[in-house]
N, C-alpha and C. Protein backbone atom coordinates (compact mmCIF):
# COMPACT_ATOMS: atom_id res chain seq x y z
N MET A 1 0.85 -1.18 0.00
CA MET A 1 0.00 0.00 0.00
C MET A 1 0.90 1.24 0.00
N ASP A 2 0.66 2.09 -0.96
CA ASP A 2 1.39 3.35 -1.05
C ASP A 2 0.66 4.39 -0.20
N PRO A 3 1.36 5.04 0.74
CA PRO A 3 0.68 5.98 1.62
C PRO A 3 0.44 7.37 1.02
N THR A 4 0.75 7.57 -0.25
CA THR A 4 0.64 8.90 -0.85
C THR A 4 -0.76 9.50 -0.67
N SER A 5 -1.80 8.73 -0.94
CA SER A 5 -3.16 9.28 -0.81
C SER A 5 -3.49 9.58 0.65
N LEU A 6 -3.00 8.74 1.57
CA LEU A 6 -3.21 9.00 3.00
C LEU A 6 -2.54 10.31 3.41
N ILE A 7 -1.32 10.51 2.95
CA ILE A 7 -0.58 11.73 3.26
C ILE A 7 -1.29 12.94 2.67
N ASP A 8 -1.75 12.81 1.43
CA ASP A 8 -2.48 13.92 0.80
C ASP A 8 -3.74 14.27 1.59
N GLU A 9 -4.46 13.25 2.06
CA GLU A 9 -5.67 13.49 2.86
C GLU A 9 -5.35 14.21 4.16
N VAL A 10 -4.28 13.79 4.83
CA VAL A 10 -3.89 14.44 6.09
C VAL A 10 -3.52 15.89 5.84
N ILE A 11 -2.74 16.14 4.81
CA ILE A 11 -2.33 17.50 4.50
C ILE A 11 -3.54 18.37 4.15
N ALA A 12 -4.48 17.81 3.40
CA ALA A 12 -5.69 18.57 3.06
C ALA A 12 -6.51 18.89 4.32
N ARG A 13 -6.60 17.92 5.23
CA ARG A 13 -7.37 18.11 6.46
C ARG A 13 -6.67 19.09 7.40
N GLU A 14 -5.36 18.99 7.49
CA GLU A 14 -4.59 19.84 8.40
C GLU A 14 -4.49 21.27 7.88
N GLY A 15 -4.49 21.43 6.56
CA GLY A 15 -4.44 22.77 5.98
C GLY A 15 -3.05 23.37 6.01
N GLY A 16 -3.01 24.65 5.76
CA GLY A 16 -1.74 25.36 5.70
C GLY A 16 -1.23 25.75 7.07
N TYR A 17 -0.83 26.98 7.20
CA TYR A 17 -0.22 27.46 8.43
C TYR A 17 -1.27 27.65 9.52
N SER A 18 -0.89 27.29 10.75
CA SER A 18 -1.76 27.48 11.92
C SER A 18 -0.89 27.76 13.14
N ASN A 19 -1.40 28.61 14.00
CA ASN A 19 -0.74 28.85 15.28
C ASN A 19 -1.84 29.18 16.30
N HIS A 20 -2.68 28.20 16.56
CA HIS A 20 -3.81 28.37 17.47
C HIS A 20 -3.30 28.55 18.89
N PRO A 21 -3.79 29.55 19.61
CA PRO A 21 -3.29 29.80 20.98
C PRO A 21 -3.50 28.65 21.95
N ALA A 22 -4.51 27.81 21.72
CA ALA A 22 -4.75 26.69 22.63
C ALA A 22 -3.97 25.43 22.24
N ASP A 23 -3.30 25.46 21.09
CA ASP A 23 -2.57 24.29 20.61
C ASP A 23 -1.16 24.30 21.17
N LYS A 24 -0.85 23.30 22.01
CA LYS A 24 0.48 23.23 22.62
C LYS A 24 1.57 22.95 21.60
N GLY A 25 1.18 22.51 20.40
CA GLY A 25 2.16 22.23 19.35
C GLY A 25 2.77 23.47 18.74
N GLY A 26 2.16 24.63 18.97
CA GLY A 26 2.70 25.87 18.43
C GLY A 26 2.50 25.97 16.93
N PRO A 27 3.35 26.76 16.26
CA PRO A 27 3.20 26.96 14.82
C PRO A 27 3.30 25.63 14.05
N THR A 28 2.36 25.44 13.14
CA THR A 28 2.38 24.25 12.29
C THR A 28 2.07 24.66 10.86
N ARG A 29 2.52 23.85 9.95
CA ARG A 29 2.12 23.99 8.54
C ARG A 29 1.99 22.59 7.98
N TRP A 30 0.91 22.36 7.27
CA TRP A 30 0.58 21.04 6.72
C TRP A 30 0.41 20.00 7.84
N GLY A 31 0.19 20.46 9.07
CA GLY A 31 0.04 19.55 10.20
C GLY A 31 1.36 19.18 10.86
N VAL A 32 2.47 19.67 10.37
CA VAL A 32 3.79 19.38 10.94
C VAL A 32 4.14 20.53 11.89
N THR A 33 4.45 20.18 13.13
CA THR A 33 4.79 21.21 14.10
C THR A 33 6.19 21.77 13.84
N GLU A 34 6.41 22.95 14.35
CA GLU A 34 7.71 23.58 14.20
C GLU A 34 8.81 22.71 14.81
N LEU A 35 8.54 22.12 15.96
CA LEU A 35 9.53 21.26 16.62
C LEU A 35 9.94 20.09 15.73
N VAL A 36 8.96 19.44 15.11
CA VAL A 36 9.26 18.31 14.22
C VAL A 36 10.02 18.81 12.99
N ALA A 37 9.57 19.90 12.41
CA ALA A 37 10.26 20.44 11.23
C ALA A 37 11.71 20.78 11.55
N ARG A 38 11.94 21.42 12.69
CA ARG A 38 13.31 21.79 13.09
C ARG A 38 14.17 20.55 13.33
N SER A 39 13.57 19.53 13.93
CA SER A 39 14.34 18.31 14.23
C SER A 39 14.73 17.57 12.94
N HIS A 40 14.12 17.96 11.84
CA HIS A 40 14.46 17.36 10.56
C HIS A 40 15.16 18.34 9.62
N GLY A 41 15.74 19.37 10.22
CA GLY A 41 16.63 20.25 9.47
C GLY A 41 16.02 21.50 8.88
N TYR A 42 14.72 21.70 9.02
CA TYR A 42 14.12 22.91 8.46
C TYR A 42 14.44 24.09 9.35
N ARG A 43 14.94 25.18 8.78
CA ARG A 43 15.35 26.35 9.56
C ARG A 43 14.55 27.61 9.23
N GLY A 44 13.70 27.54 8.22
CA GLY A 44 12.97 28.74 7.78
C GLY A 44 11.74 29.04 8.61
N ASP A 45 11.01 30.04 8.17
CA ASP A 45 9.74 30.44 8.78
C ASP A 45 8.72 29.33 8.51
N MET A 46 7.97 28.94 9.53
CA MET A 46 6.99 27.87 9.37
C MET A 46 5.91 28.24 8.36
N LYS A 47 5.66 29.51 8.16
CA LYS A 47 4.67 29.92 7.16
C LYS A 47 5.09 29.51 5.75
N ALA A 48 6.39 29.26 5.56
CA ALA A 48 6.92 28.89 4.25
C ALA A 48 7.38 27.42 4.20
N PHE A 49 7.07 26.64 5.21
CA PHE A 49 7.49 25.23 5.26
C PHE A 49 6.96 24.50 4.02
N PRO A 50 7.86 23.93 3.21
CA PRO A 50 7.44 23.32 1.95
C PRO A 50 6.60 22.05 2.14
N ARG A 51 5.61 21.91 1.31
CA ARG A 51 4.74 20.74 1.33
C ARG A 51 5.55 19.45 1.12
N GLU A 52 6.53 19.50 0.22
CA GLU A 52 7.33 18.31 -0.07
C GLU A 52 8.06 17.80 1.17
N GLU A 53 8.52 18.72 2.02
CA GLU A 53 9.17 18.30 3.25
C GLU A 53 8.17 17.68 4.21
N ALA A 54 6.96 18.21 4.24
CA ALA A 54 5.91 17.62 5.07
C ALA A 54 5.61 16.20 4.59
N VAL A 55 5.50 16.00 3.29
CA VAL A 55 5.23 14.67 2.72
C VAL A 55 6.33 13.70 3.14
N ALA A 56 7.58 14.12 3.02
CA ALA A 56 8.71 13.25 3.38
C ALA A 56 8.68 12.90 4.87
N ILE A 57 8.34 13.85 5.71
CA ILE A 57 8.26 13.60 7.16
C ILE A 57 7.14 12.63 7.46
N TYR A 58 5.98 12.85 6.86
CA TYR A 58 4.85 11.93 7.09
C TYR A 58 5.21 10.50 6.67
N ARG A 59 5.82 10.36 5.51
CA ARG A 59 6.17 9.02 5.01
C ARG A 59 7.18 8.34 5.96
N ARG A 60 8.19 9.06 6.33
CA ARG A 60 9.27 8.49 7.13
C ARG A 60 8.85 8.27 8.58
N LEU A 61 8.31 9.32 9.24
CA LEU A 61 8.05 9.26 10.68
C LEU A 61 6.71 8.65 11.06
N TYR A 62 5.73 8.76 10.17
CA TYR A 62 4.38 8.36 10.54
C TYR A 62 3.87 7.15 9.76
N TRP A 63 4.65 6.65 8.80
CA TRP A 63 4.26 5.46 8.05
C TRP A 63 5.31 4.36 8.16
N LEU A 64 6.53 4.66 7.78
CA LEU A 64 7.58 3.63 7.77
C LEU A 64 8.15 3.33 9.17
N ARG A 65 8.55 4.37 9.90
CA ARG A 65 9.17 4.14 11.21
C ARG A 65 8.27 3.37 12.18
N PRO A 66 6.98 3.69 12.27
CA PRO A 66 6.14 2.93 13.20
C PRO A 66 5.66 1.59 12.63
N ALA A 67 6.07 1.25 11.42
CA ALA A 67 5.74 -0.03 10.77
C ALA A 67 4.27 -0.15 10.39
N PHE A 68 3.61 0.96 10.13
CA PHE A 68 2.23 0.89 9.67
C PHE A 68 2.18 0.29 8.26
N ASP A 69 3.28 0.39 7.52
CA ASP A 69 3.36 -0.26 6.21
C ASP A 69 3.26 -1.77 6.36
N ARG A 70 3.81 -2.32 7.44
CA ARG A 70 3.71 -3.77 7.69
C ARG A 70 2.28 -4.16 8.05
N VAL A 71 1.59 -3.30 8.81
CA VAL A 71 0.19 -3.55 9.14
C VAL A 71 -0.64 -3.58 7.87
N ALA A 72 -0.33 -2.69 6.92
CA ALA A 72 -1.09 -2.58 5.67
C ALA A 72 -1.08 -3.87 4.86
N THR A 73 -0.06 -4.69 5.02
CA THR A 73 0.01 -5.96 4.32
C THR A 73 -1.18 -6.85 4.66
N TYR A 74 -1.65 -6.78 5.90
CA TYR A 74 -2.74 -7.65 6.37
C TYR A 74 -4.05 -6.90 6.56
N ALA A 75 -3.98 -5.61 6.82
CA ALA A 75 -5.18 -4.84 7.15
C ALA A 75 -5.01 -3.39 6.68
N PRO A 76 -5.21 -3.11 5.40
CA PRO A 76 -4.95 -1.77 4.87
C PRO A 76 -5.81 -0.66 5.49
N ALA A 77 -7.07 -0.93 5.74
CA ALA A 77 -7.92 0.11 6.35
C ALA A 77 -7.46 0.41 7.76
N LEU A 78 -7.08 -0.61 8.49
CA LEU A 78 -6.55 -0.43 9.84
C LEU A 78 -5.25 0.37 9.80
N ALA A 79 -4.37 0.06 8.86
CA ALA A 79 -3.11 0.79 8.73
C ALA A 79 -3.38 2.27 8.44
N ALA A 80 -4.37 2.55 7.61
CA ALA A 80 -4.72 3.94 7.31
C ALA A 80 -5.17 4.66 8.57
N GLU A 81 -5.98 3.99 9.38
CA GLU A 81 -6.45 4.60 10.63
C GLU A 81 -5.29 4.81 11.61
N LEU A 82 -4.40 3.83 11.71
CA LEU A 82 -3.24 3.97 12.60
C LEU A 82 -2.36 5.13 12.16
N PHE A 83 -2.18 5.29 10.86
CA PHE A 83 -1.41 6.41 10.33
C PHE A 83 -2.03 7.73 10.76
N ASP A 84 -3.33 7.88 10.53
CA ASP A 84 -4.01 9.13 10.87
C ASP A 84 -3.96 9.38 12.37
N THR A 85 -4.19 8.34 13.15
CA THR A 85 -4.11 8.48 14.61
C THR A 85 -2.71 8.85 15.03
N GLY A 86 -1.72 8.24 14.41
CA GLY A 86 -0.33 8.54 14.71
C GLY A 86 0.03 9.97 14.41
N VAL A 87 -0.49 10.51 13.32
CA VAL A 87 -0.25 11.91 12.97
C VAL A 87 -0.83 12.81 14.06
N ASN A 88 -2.02 12.48 14.54
CA ASN A 88 -2.72 13.33 15.49
C ASN A 88 -2.26 13.14 16.92
N MET A 89 -1.92 11.91 17.31
CA MET A 89 -1.60 11.61 18.71
C MET A 89 -0.18 11.12 18.93
N GLY A 90 0.49 10.79 17.86
CA GLY A 90 1.82 10.20 17.94
C GLY A 90 1.76 8.72 17.61
N PRO A 91 2.68 8.24 16.77
CA PRO A 91 2.68 6.83 16.39
C PRO A 91 2.72 5.85 17.56
N PRO A 92 3.45 6.12 18.65
CA PRO A 92 3.43 5.15 19.75
C PRO A 92 2.04 4.95 20.35
N ILE A 93 1.26 6.00 20.41
CA ILE A 93 -0.09 5.87 20.97
C ILE A 93 -0.94 5.02 20.03
N ALA A 94 -0.86 5.26 18.73
CA ALA A 94 -1.60 4.46 17.76
C ALA A 94 -1.19 2.99 17.85
N ALA A 95 0.11 2.74 17.93
CA ALA A 95 0.59 1.36 18.04
C ALA A 95 0.09 0.71 19.32
N GLY A 96 0.07 1.46 20.41
CA GLY A 96 -0.45 0.95 21.67
C GLY A 96 -1.92 0.61 21.59
N PHE A 97 -2.70 1.42 20.88
CA PHE A 97 -4.12 1.11 20.68
C PHE A 97 -4.26 -0.24 19.99
N LEU A 98 -3.48 -0.46 18.94
CA LEU A 98 -3.53 -1.74 18.22
C LEU A 98 -3.18 -2.90 19.15
N GLN A 99 -2.12 -2.76 19.91
CA GLN A 99 -1.69 -3.83 20.80
C GLN A 99 -2.74 -4.12 21.87
N ARG A 100 -3.31 -3.08 22.45
CA ARG A 100 -4.36 -3.27 23.45
C ARG A 100 -5.56 -4.00 22.85
N ALA A 101 -5.96 -3.57 21.65
CA ALA A 101 -7.12 -4.19 21.00
C ALA A 101 -6.84 -5.65 20.65
N LEU A 102 -5.64 -5.94 20.16
CA LEU A 102 -5.28 -7.33 19.87
C LEU A 102 -5.39 -8.19 21.12
N ASN A 103 -4.86 -7.70 22.23
CA ASN A 103 -4.91 -8.47 23.49
C ASN A 103 -6.34 -8.68 23.96
N ALA A 104 -7.17 -7.66 23.80
CA ALA A 104 -8.55 -7.77 24.27
C ALA A 104 -9.40 -8.65 23.36
N LEU A 105 -8.99 -8.82 22.11
CA LEU A 105 -9.78 -9.59 21.15
C LEU A 105 -9.20 -10.98 20.85
N ASN A 106 -8.26 -11.44 21.67
CA ASN A 106 -7.65 -12.74 21.39
C ASN A 106 -8.32 -13.90 22.14
N ARG A 107 -9.51 -13.64 22.68
CA ARG A 107 -10.31 -14.65 23.38
C ARG A 107 -9.50 -15.35 24.47
N GLY A 108 -9.02 -14.51 25.40
CA GLY A 108 -8.28 -15.07 26.54
C GLY A 108 -7.00 -15.76 26.14
N ALA A 109 -6.35 -15.26 25.14
CA ALA A 109 -5.08 -15.79 24.62
C ALA A 109 -5.26 -17.16 23.96
N SER A 110 -6.49 -17.53 23.60
CA SER A 110 -6.69 -18.82 22.92
C SER A 110 -6.39 -18.73 21.43
N ASP A 111 -6.51 -17.54 20.83
CA ASP A 111 -6.19 -17.39 19.41
C ASP A 111 -4.70 -17.15 19.18
N PHE A 112 -4.11 -16.40 20.08
CA PHE A 112 -2.67 -16.10 20.04
C PHE A 112 -2.31 -15.53 21.40
N PRO A 113 -1.04 -15.64 21.79
CA PRO A 113 -0.64 -15.13 23.11
C PRO A 113 -0.76 -13.61 23.20
N ASP A 114 -1.02 -13.11 24.40
CA ASP A 114 -0.97 -11.67 24.62
C ASP A 114 0.41 -11.16 24.21
N ILE A 115 0.41 -9.92 23.76
CA ILE A 115 1.66 -9.27 23.38
C ILE A 115 1.91 -8.10 24.33
N ALA A 116 3.15 -7.72 24.45
CA ALA A 116 3.48 -6.56 25.28
C ALA A 116 2.92 -5.30 24.64
N VAL A 117 2.34 -4.44 25.46
CA VAL A 117 1.88 -3.13 24.98
C VAL A 117 3.05 -2.17 25.17
N ASP A 118 4.02 -2.31 24.27
CA ASP A 118 5.24 -1.50 24.33
C ASP A 118 5.18 -0.32 23.37
N ARG A 119 4.05 -0.19 22.66
CA ARG A 119 3.80 0.92 21.75
C ARG A 119 4.75 0.94 20.56
N GLN A 120 5.27 -0.25 20.21
CA GLN A 120 6.13 -0.40 19.04
C GLN A 120 5.67 -1.63 18.28
N ILE A 121 5.42 -1.46 17.00
CA ILE A 121 4.97 -2.59 16.19
C ILE A 121 6.19 -3.36 15.70
N GLY A 122 6.32 -4.57 16.22
CA GLY A 122 7.40 -5.45 15.83
C GLY A 122 6.84 -6.78 15.36
N ASP A 123 7.71 -7.77 15.30
CA ASP A 123 7.32 -9.08 14.77
C ASP A 123 6.17 -9.72 15.55
N ARG A 124 6.15 -9.60 16.87
CA ARG A 124 5.07 -10.22 17.66
C ARG A 124 3.72 -9.55 17.41
N THR A 125 3.73 -8.24 17.30
CA THR A 125 2.47 -7.54 17.01
C THR A 125 1.97 -7.93 15.62
N ILE A 126 2.86 -7.98 14.65
CA ILE A 126 2.46 -8.36 13.29
C ILE A 126 1.97 -9.80 13.27
N ALA A 127 2.63 -10.70 13.98
CA ALA A 127 2.18 -12.10 14.03
C ALA A 127 0.79 -12.20 14.66
N ALA A 128 0.55 -11.44 15.72
CA ALA A 128 -0.76 -11.45 16.36
C ALA A 128 -1.83 -10.91 15.40
N LEU A 129 -1.53 -9.82 14.71
CA LEU A 129 -2.47 -9.25 13.76
C LEU A 129 -2.75 -10.25 12.63
N LYS A 130 -1.72 -10.85 12.11
CA LYS A 130 -1.87 -11.82 11.02
C LYS A 130 -2.77 -12.98 11.46
N THR A 131 -2.55 -13.47 12.66
CA THR A 131 -3.38 -14.56 13.19
C THR A 131 -4.81 -14.09 13.41
N PHE A 132 -4.97 -12.90 13.96
CA PHE A 132 -6.31 -12.36 14.19
C PHE A 132 -7.09 -12.28 12.88
N ILE A 133 -6.48 -11.73 11.84
CA ILE A 133 -7.15 -11.58 10.55
C ILE A 133 -7.44 -12.96 9.94
N ALA A 134 -6.49 -13.88 10.05
CA ALA A 134 -6.71 -15.23 9.52
C ALA A 134 -7.84 -15.93 10.26
N THR A 135 -7.94 -15.72 11.56
CA THR A 135 -8.98 -16.36 12.38
C THR A 135 -10.34 -15.73 12.17
N ARG A 136 -10.39 -14.42 12.09
CA ARG A 136 -11.66 -13.70 12.05
C ARG A 136 -12.11 -13.31 10.63
N GLY A 137 -11.24 -13.42 9.66
CA GLY A 137 -11.62 -13.10 8.29
C GLY A 137 -11.75 -11.61 8.04
N GLU A 138 -12.42 -11.28 6.95
CA GLU A 138 -12.56 -9.87 6.55
C GLU A 138 -13.23 -9.02 7.62
N ALA A 139 -14.21 -9.59 8.29
CA ALA A 139 -14.91 -8.84 9.34
C ALA A 139 -13.97 -8.49 10.49
N GLY A 140 -12.93 -9.27 10.66
CA GLY A 140 -11.97 -9.02 11.73
C GLY A 140 -11.32 -7.66 11.63
N GLU A 141 -10.96 -7.25 10.42
CA GLU A 141 -10.35 -5.93 10.26
C GLU A 141 -11.33 -4.83 10.66
N GLU A 142 -12.59 -4.98 10.30
CA GLU A 142 -13.60 -3.98 10.66
C GLU A 142 -13.76 -3.89 12.18
N VAL A 143 -13.77 -5.03 12.85
CA VAL A 143 -13.91 -5.03 14.31
C VAL A 143 -12.67 -4.42 14.96
N MET A 144 -11.50 -4.76 14.47
CA MET A 144 -10.26 -4.19 15.01
C MET A 144 -10.25 -2.68 14.80
N LEU A 145 -10.70 -2.24 13.67
CA LEU A 145 -10.79 -0.80 13.38
C LEU A 145 -11.71 -0.12 14.38
N LYS A 146 -12.85 -0.72 14.67
CA LYS A 146 -13.78 -0.16 15.65
C LYS A 146 -13.14 -0.09 17.04
N ALA A 147 -12.40 -1.12 17.41
CA ALA A 147 -11.75 -1.14 18.72
C ALA A 147 -10.71 -0.02 18.83
N VAL A 148 -9.92 0.15 17.79
CA VAL A 148 -8.90 1.21 17.79
C VAL A 148 -9.58 2.58 17.84
N GLU A 149 -10.64 2.76 17.07
CA GLU A 149 -11.34 4.04 17.08
C GLU A 149 -12.01 4.31 18.43
N ALA A 150 -12.49 3.27 19.10
CA ALA A 150 -13.07 3.45 20.43
C ALA A 150 -12.02 3.96 21.41
N LEU A 151 -10.83 3.38 21.35
CA LEU A 151 -9.73 3.84 22.21
C LEU A 151 -9.34 5.27 21.87
N GLN A 152 -9.33 5.58 20.60
CA GLN A 152 -9.00 6.94 20.16
C GLN A 152 -10.04 7.94 20.68
N GLY A 153 -11.31 7.62 20.53
CA GLY A 153 -12.37 8.52 21.00
C GLY A 153 -12.30 8.75 22.49
N GLU A 154 -12.01 7.69 23.23
CA GLU A 154 -11.89 7.82 24.69
C GLU A 154 -10.74 8.74 25.04
N ARG A 155 -9.65 8.65 24.31
CA ARG A 155 -8.49 9.51 24.58
C ARG A 155 -8.82 10.98 24.28
N TYR A 156 -9.55 11.23 23.20
CA TYR A 156 -9.94 12.61 22.91
C TYR A 156 -10.78 13.19 24.05
N LEU A 157 -11.74 12.42 24.53
CA LEU A 157 -12.57 12.90 25.64
C LEU A 157 -11.72 13.16 26.88
N SER A 158 -10.80 12.25 27.17
CA SER A 158 -9.92 12.43 28.33
C SER A 158 -9.05 13.67 28.20
N LEU A 159 -8.56 13.92 26.99
CA LEU A 159 -7.74 15.11 26.76
C LEU A 159 -8.54 16.38 27.01
N ALA A 160 -9.78 16.39 26.57
CA ALA A 160 -10.63 17.57 26.78
C ALA A 160 -11.00 17.73 28.26
N GLU A 161 -11.22 16.62 28.94
CA GLU A 161 -11.57 16.68 30.37
C GLU A 161 -10.38 17.13 31.22
N SER A 162 -9.19 16.70 30.84
CA SER A 162 -8.02 17.00 31.67
C SER A 162 -7.42 18.39 31.39
N ARG A 163 -7.74 18.95 30.24
CA ARG A 163 -7.21 20.28 29.87
C ARG A 163 -8.31 21.04 29.14
N PRO A 164 -9.02 21.90 29.83
CA PRO A 164 -10.15 22.60 29.21
C PRO A 164 -9.83 23.30 27.89
N ALA A 165 -8.60 23.74 27.70
CA ALA A 165 -8.24 24.38 26.42
C ALA A 165 -8.42 23.42 25.25
N ASN A 166 -8.31 22.11 25.51
CA ASN A 166 -8.49 21.13 24.44
C ASN A 166 -9.93 21.01 23.97
N GLU A 167 -10.86 21.56 24.75
CA GLU A 167 -12.25 21.53 24.31
C GLU A 167 -12.42 22.28 22.99
N ALA A 168 -11.51 23.20 22.71
CA ALA A 168 -11.56 23.94 21.44
C ALA A 168 -11.37 23.00 20.24
N PHE A 169 -10.76 21.85 20.47
CA PHE A 169 -10.44 20.92 19.39
C PHE A 169 -11.31 19.67 19.39
N LEU A 170 -12.02 19.40 20.47
CA LEU A 170 -12.73 18.12 20.63
C LEU A 170 -13.72 17.87 19.50
N TYR A 171 -14.54 18.83 19.18
CA TYR A 171 -15.53 18.62 18.12
C TYR A 171 -14.85 18.23 16.81
N GLY A 172 -13.81 18.96 16.43
CA GLY A 172 -13.09 18.65 15.19
C GLY A 172 -12.42 17.28 15.24
N TRP A 173 -11.85 16.94 16.38
CA TRP A 173 -11.22 15.62 16.49
C TRP A 173 -12.26 14.53 16.26
N LEU A 174 -13.39 14.65 16.91
CA LEU A 174 -14.42 13.62 16.79
C LEU A 174 -15.03 13.60 15.39
N ALA A 175 -15.22 14.78 14.81
CA ALA A 175 -15.83 14.86 13.48
C ALA A 175 -14.89 14.42 12.38
N ASN A 176 -13.60 14.73 12.52
CA ASN A 176 -12.67 14.53 11.40
C ASN A 176 -11.69 13.38 11.59
N ARG A 177 -11.55 12.85 12.78
CA ARG A 177 -10.53 11.84 13.02
C ARG A 177 -11.08 10.45 13.29
N LEU A 178 -12.35 10.34 13.60
CA LEU A 178 -12.95 9.02 13.85
C LEU A 178 -13.76 8.59 12.64
N GLY A 179 -13.59 7.32 12.28
CA GLY A 179 -14.41 6.76 11.19
C GLY A 179 -13.98 7.11 9.82
């Protein structure tokens, strides 16, 4: 699965330059924060951050590094959701959602052993996912997607409850990031 269309969708949703006062990420362009852009060598004004650099960062940091490309081999819709969640919450959180859902859906470890929720997708997580999909069939990916989205929605609510400034974003998160 080529993530180009996923990256294009994220960039379209995130829009151009933003510096919302309630956003702890500070100045962003194309959804890439200034901190991330700087850590990858960009030194210019964030208002001029090139789209091509954002695409390269998304591909490298939010698709390949967290191994969502490996998830796509068995569950492309799930991989797309993990990518989007990773962009919004960080890839380790998205990976942790997958691991938690796999453990909760393995029928008491009868389908496959529980895996560590280490928030990194490695061989054991991929083996568990492969077994889950093989056991549950096509519907399995849909159920796994629902489980991951449920965890994501709960986290959005928790973020808004724990920091009232996040309430400015809750509606958009729920409207644009789930489903």
